Amino acid sequence: MKSVTLLVAVLTGAAMAVVTAYHIDPVRADWSGKADPEDGVSEIITVAFDLPVTASLFCGSPGAGGTYSVGIYSYPGGVARLAEKLNVSQPLDHHWLTCSLDVIYPDSFIKGRQVEVRWTRGGSDSIHYYTRDGTTYPYGFMRVGQQDHNSLDLCMRVA
């Protein structure tokens, strides 16, 4: 009986360590147009985690192979970059692109604070991103460039 109790405790502890702060699965695809270095596609999320370790975007076509970059910025304002991963190549068509984040300002991730998770792409490629209709994630919203889309969520993960 003690071994069963110990096994349950270990499995529960391991499951609690794998917490996803934001997760929206793909439903339909949209083209963003050319992703300029200052623009791109992003989701405003409320911090419900200690530190982000990874960020993933569900990508469509790899195009000519332009690399992706992700940055987590203070919101509103979007000037201070809190975490980032630059120049990541997309491995497959219509697949999750996962980036291990380099956290620059760990003290900025305070529960309840809003941040912007912004994806951009270099070269002449557009970002082929996926969205989800409705407010699946009720604590934030999606942005394309500087335009807010309050009824859509970006198919993305932050853990």
C-alpha atoms as a PDB file:
ATOM      1  CA  MET A   1       0.000   0.000   0.000  1.00  0.00           C
ATOM      2  CA  LYS A   2       2.880   2.377   0.787  1.00  0.00           C
ATOM      3  CA  SER A   3       4.428   1.794  -2.646  1.00  0.00           C
ATOM      4  CA  VAL A   4       1.121   2.636  -4.368  1.00  0.00           C
ATOM      5  CA  THR A   5       0.830   5.852  -2.342  1.00  0.00           C
ATOM      6  CA  LEU A   6       4.407   6.780  -3.196  1.00  0.00           C
ATOM      7  CA  LEU A   7       3.832   6.079  -6.901  1.00  0.00           C
ATOM      8  CA  VAL A   8       0.715   8.296  -6.957  1.00  0.00           C
ATOM      9  CA  ALA A   9       2.608  11.094  -5.190  1.00  0.00           C
ATOM     10  CA  VAL A  10       5.499  10.926  -7.679  1.00  0.00           C
ATOM     11  CA  LEU A  11       3.193  10.932 -10.724  1.00  0.00           C
ATOM     12  CA  THR A  12       1.141  13.829  -9.376  1.00  0.00           C
ATOM     13  CA  GLY A  13       4.268  15.849  -8.663  1.00  0.00           C
ATOM     14  CA  ALA A  14       5.628  15.200 -12.154  1.00  0.00           C
ATOM     15  CA  ALA A  15       2.317  16.175 -13.770  1.00  0.00           C
ATOM     16  CA  MET A  16       2.195  19.423 -11.809  1.00  0.00           C
ATOM     17  CA  ALA A  17       5.646  20.383 -13.114  1.00  0.00           C
ATOM     18  CA  VAL A  18       4.404  20.243 -16.724  1.00  0.00           C
ATOM     19  CA  VAL A  19       2.000  23.195 -16.647  1.00  0.00           C
ATOM     20  CA  THR A  20       0.983  25.015 -19.797  1.00  0.00           C
ATOM     21  CA  ALA A  21       0.283  28.697 -19.214  1.00  0.00           C
ATOM     22  CA  TYR A  22      -1.369  29.211 -22.613  1.00  0.00           C
ATOM     23  CA  HIS A  23      -2.460  26.621 -25.165  1.00  0.00           C
ATOM     24  CA  ILE A  24      -4.753  27.065 -28.197  1.00  0.00           C
ATOM     25  CA  ASP A  25      -4.981  24.283 -30.795  1.00  0.00           C
ATOM     26  CA  PRO A  26      -5.317  25.091 -34.536  1.00  0.00           C
ATOM     27  CA  VAL A  27      -8.720  25.189 -36.203  1.00  0.00           C
ATOM     28  CA  ARG A  28      -8.380  27.364 -39.338  1.00  0.00           C
ATOM     29  CA  ALA A  29      -5.520  29.025 -41.198  1.00  0.00           C
ATOM     30  CA  ASP A  30      -4.901  32.676 -42.158  1.00  0.00           C
ATOM     31  CA  TRP A  31      -2.045  34.394 -43.947  1.00  0.00           C
ATOM     32  CA  SER A  32      -0.630  37.348 -42.074  1.00  0.00           C
ATOM     33  CA  GLY A  33       0.963  39.104 -45.010  1.00  0.00           C
ATOM     34  CA  LYS A  34       4.632  40.127 -44.899  1.00  0.00           C
ATOM     35  CA  ALA A  35       5.948  40.036 -41.341  1.00  0.00           C
ATOM     36  CA  ASP A  36       8.047  43.158 -40.829  1.00  0.00           C
ATOM     37  CA  PRO A  37      10.648  43.082 -38.020  1.00  0.00           C
ATOM     38  CA  GLU A  38       8.502  45.426 -35.897  1.00  0.00           C
ATOM     39  CA  ASP A  39       5.184  43.700 -36.630  1.00  0.00           C
ATOM     40  CA  GLY A  40       4.229  40.040 -36.928  1.00  0.00           C
ATOM     41  CA  VAL A  41       1.503  38.206 -35.052  1.00  0.00           C
ATOM     42  CA  SER A  42       1.047  38.049 -31.289  1.00  0.00           C
ATOM     43  CA  GLU A  43      -1.201  37.137 -28.385  1.00  0.00           C
ATOM     44  CA  ILE A  44      -1.695  39.192 -25.249  1.00  0.00           C
ATOM     45  CA  ILE A  45      -1.769  36.793 -22.287  1.00  0.00           C
ATOM     46  CA  THR A  46      -2.079  37.127 -18.531  1.00  0.00           C
ATOM     47  CA  VAL A  47       0.883  35.726 -16.589  1.00  0.00           C
ATOM     48  CA  ALA A  48      -0.228  32.609 -14.699  1.00  0.00           C
ATOM     49  CA  PHE A  49       3.235  31.031 -14.438  1.00  0.00           C
ATOM     50  CA  ASP A  50       6.590  31.678 -12.774  1.00  0.00           C
ATOM     51  CA  LEU A  51       8.905  31.814 -15.791  1.00  0.00           C
ATOM     52  CA  PRO A  52       8.217  30.876 -19.411  1.00  0.00           C
ATOM     53  CA  VAL A  53      10.481  28.056 -20.586  1.00  0.00           C
ATOM     54  CA  THR A  54       9.168  27.452 -24.098  1.00  0.00           C
ATOM     55  CA  ALA A  55       6.919  29.129 -26.637  1.00  0.00           C
ATOM     56  CA  SER A  56       5.397  27.274 -29.602  1.00  0.00           C
ATOM     57  CA  LEU A  57       3.551  28.543 -32.673  1.00  0.00           C
ATOM     58  CA  PHE A  58       1.518  26.306 -34.978  1.00  0.00           C
ATOM     59  CA  CYS A  59       2.951  27.185 -38.407  1.00  0.00           C
ATOM     60  CA  GLY A  60       1.713  26.385 -41.879  1.00  0.00           C
ATOM     61  CA  SER A  61       3.872  26.631 -44.983  1.00  0.00           C
ATOM     62  CA  PRO A  62       7.641  27.034 -44.496  1.00  0.00           C
ATOM     63  CA  GLY A  63       7.810  29.300 -47.565  1.00  0.00           C
ATOM     64  CA  ALA A  64      11.380  30.112 -48.608  1.00  0.00           C
ATOM     65  CA  GLY A  65      12.729  29.127 -45.191  1.00  0.00           C
ATOM     66  CA  GLY A  66      12.766  32.471 -43.362  1.00  0.00           C
ATOM     67  CA  THR A  67      13.503  31.980 -39.669  1.00  0.00           C
ATOM     68  CA  TYR A  68      11.092  32.811 -36.850  1.00  0.00           C
ATOM     69  CA  SER A  69      11.793  34.861 -33.755  1.00  0.00           C
ATOM     70  CA  VAL A  70       9.649  35.122 -30.638  1.00  0.00           C
ATOM     71  CA  GLY A  71       9.780  37.806 -27.985  1.00  0.00           C
ATOM     72  CA  ILE A  72       7.753  38.311 -24.836  1.00  0.00           C
ATOM     73  CA  TYR A  73       7.230  42.028 -24.242  1.00  0.00           C
ATOM     74  CA  SER A  74       5.796  44.149 -21.470  1.00  0.00           C
ATOM     75  CA  TYR A  75       2.183  45.133 -22.166  1.00  0.00           C
ATOM     76  CA  PRO A  76       0.977  47.746 -22.754  1.00  0.00           C
ATOM     77  CA  GLY A  77       3.869  49.475 -24.407  1.00  0.00           C
ATOM     78  CA  GLY A  78       5.690  46.506 -25.901  1.00  0.00           C
ATOM     79  CA  VAL A  79       9.122  48.124 -25.603  1.00  0.00           C
ATOM     80  CA  ALA A  80      10.890  46.044 -22.941  1.00  0.00           C
ATOM     81  CA  ARG A  81      11.673  42.522 -24.210  1.00  0.00           C
ATOM     82  CA  LEU A  82      11.375  40.161 -21.212  1.00  0.00           C
ATOM     83  CA  ALA A  83      12.264  36.870 -22.966  1.00  0.00           C
ATOM     84  CA  GLU A  84      13.233  35.850 -26.486  1.00  0.00           C
ATOM     85  CA  LYS A  85      14.447  33.250 -28.935  1.00  0.00           C
ATOM     86  CA  LEU A  86      15.808  34.415 -32.258  1.00  0.00           C
ATOM     87  CA  ASN A  87      16.249  32.803 -35.689  1.00  0.00           C
ATOM     88  CA  VAL A  88      14.541  29.435 -35.316  1.00  0.00           C
ATOM     89  CA  SER A  89      13.938  27.393 -38.488  1.00  0.00           C
ATOM     90  CA  GLN A  90      10.586  25.758 -39.113  1.00  0.00           C
ATOM     91  CA  PRO A  91      11.126  21.976 -39.299  1.00  0.00           C
ATOM     92  CA  LEU A  92       7.905  20.825 -41.043  1.00  0.00           C
ATOM     93  CA  ASP A  93       4.745  22.009 -42.824  1.00  0.00           C
ATOM     94  CA  HIS A  94       1.734  22.568 -40.568  1.00  0.00           C
ATOM     95  CA  HIS A  95       3.550  21.719 -37.374  1.00  0.00           C
ATOM     96  CA  TRP A  96       4.351  23.154 -33.940  1.00  0.00           C
ATOM     97  CA  LEU A  97       7.510  25.290 -33.984  1.00  0.00           C
ATOM     98  CA  THR A  98       8.879  25.119 -30.416  1.00  0.00           C
ATOM     99  CA  CYS A  99      11.435  27.602 -29.079  1.00  0.00           C
ATOM    100  CA  SER A 100      13.384  27.383 -25.805  1.00  0.00           C
ATOM    101  CA  LEU A 101      13.243  30.892 -24.373  1.00  0.00           C
ATOM    102  CA  ASP A 102      16.099  32.991 -23.034  1.00  0.00           C
ATOM    103  CA  VAL A 103      14.591  34.947 -20.121  1.00  0.00           C
ATOM    104  CA  ILE A 104      16.117  38.419 -19.887  1.00  0.00           C
ATOM    105  CA  TYR A 105      14.137  39.931 -16.985  1.00  0.00           C
ATOM    106  CA  PRO A 106      12.875  37.100 -14.731  1.00  0.00           C
ATOM    107  CA  ASP A 107      11.452  39.502 -12.115  1.00  0.00           C
ATOM    108  CA  SER A 108       8.961  40.805 -14.699  1.00  0.00           C
ATOM    109  CA  PHE A 109       6.823  37.647 -14.728  1.00  0.00           C
ATOM    110  CA  ILE A 110       4.379  38.573 -11.982  1.00  0.00           C
ATOM    111  CA  LYS A 111       1.120  36.616 -11.824  1.00  0.00           C
ATOM    112  CA  GLY A 112      -1.768  38.703 -13.123  1.00  0.00           C
ATOM    113  CA  ARG A 113       0.396  40.964 -15.323  1.00  0.00           C
ATOM    114  CA  GLN A 114      -0.288  41.024 -19.066  1.00  0.00           C
ATOM    115  CA  VAL A 115       2.491  40.414 -21.600  1.00  0.00           C
ATOM    116  CA  GLU A 116       2.612  40.266 -25.394  1.00  0.00           C
ATOM    117  CA  VAL A 117       4.038  37.103 -27.000  1.00  0.00           C
ATOM    118  CA  ARG A 118       5.103  38.362 -30.446  1.00  0.00           C
ATOM    119  CA  TRP A 119       6.222  36.201 -33.395  1.00  0.00           C
ATOM    120  CA  THR A 120       8.081  37.660 -36.383  1.00  0.00           C
ATOM    121  CA  ARG A 121       9.750  36.123 -39.408  1.00  0.00           C
ATOM    122  CA  GLY A 122      12.817  37.194 -41.354  1.00  0.00           C
ATOM    123  CA  GLY A 123      13.333  37.271 -45.079  1.00  0.00           C
ATOM    124  CA  SER A 124      10.530  37.764 -47.561  1.00  0.00           C
ATOM    125  CA  ASP A 125       8.282  35.114 -45.979  1.00  0.00           C
ATOM    126  CA  SER A 126       4.900  35.715 -44.419  1.00  0.00           C
ATOM    127  CA  ILE A 127       3.869  34.040 -41.206  1.00  0.00           C
ATOM    128  CA  HIS A 128       1.316  31.320 -41.948  1.00  0.00           C
ATOM    129  CA  TYR A 129      -0.441  31.315 -38.604  1.00  0.00           C
ATOM    130  CA  TYR A 130      -3.547  29.657 -37.256  1.00  0.00           C
ATOM    131  CA  THR A 131      -6.335  31.177 -35.187  1.00  0.00           C
ATOM    132  CA  ARG A 132      -9.264  30.036 -33.119  1.00  0.00           C
ATOM    133  CA  ASP A 133     -12.644  31.818 -33.282  1.00  0.00           C
ATOM    134  CA  GLY A 134     -14.312  33.019 -30.146  1.00  0.00           C
ATOM    135  CA  THR A 135     -12.679  33.925 -26.882  1.00  0.00           C
ATOM    136  CA  THR A 136     -11.196  30.512 -26.125  1.00  0.00           C
ATOM    137  CA  TYR A 137      -8.647  32.343 -23.992  1.00  0.00           C
ATOM    138  CA  PRO A 138     -10.717  34.938 -22.087  1.00  0.00           C
ATOM    139  CA  TYR A 139      -7.764  36.778 -20.473  1.00  0.00           C
ATOM    140  CA  GLY A 140      -6.205  38.284 -23.595  1.00  0.00           C
ATOM    141  CA  PHE A 141      -6.524  38.751 -27.350  1.00  0.00           C
ATOM    142  CA  MET A 142      -4.656  38.356 -30.642  1.00  0.00           C
ATOM    143  CA  ARG A 143      -2.862  41.139 -32.540  1.00  0.00           C
ATOM    144  CA  VAL A 144      -1.695  41.210 -36.155  1.00  0.00           C
ATOM    145  CA  GLY A 145       0.814  44.027 -36.499  1.00  0.00           C
ATOM    146  CA  GLN A 146      -0.814  46.808 -34.489  1.00  0.00           C
ATOM    147  CA  GLN A 147      -4.430  45.716 -35.103  1.00  0.00           C
ATOM    148  CA  ASP A 148      -6.304  44.003 -32.253  1.00  0.00           C
ATOM    149  CA  HIS A 149      -8.556  41.000 -32.924  1.00  0.00           C
ATOM    150  CA  ASN A 150     -10.588  40.605 -29.739  1.00  0.00           C
ATOM    151  CA  SER A 151     -12.642  37.657 -31.043  1.00  0.00           C
ATOM    152  CA  LEU A 152      -9.658  35.508 -32.139  1.00  0.00           C
ATOM    153  CA  ASP A 153      -6.900  33.632 -30.320  1.00  0.00           C
ATOM    154  CA  LEU A 154      -3.540  32.712 -31.827  1.00  0.00           C
ATOM    155  CA  CYS A 155      -2.781  28.967 -31.983  1.00  0.00           C
ATOM    156  CA  MET A 156       0.230  29.078 -29.747  1.00  0.00           C
ATOM    157  CA  ARG A 157       1.585  27.576 -26.507  1.00  0.00           C
ATOM    158  CA  VAL A 158       3.573  29.068 -23.646  1.00  0.00           C
ATOM    159  CA  ALA A 159       4.843  26.783 -20.897  1.00  0.00           C
END
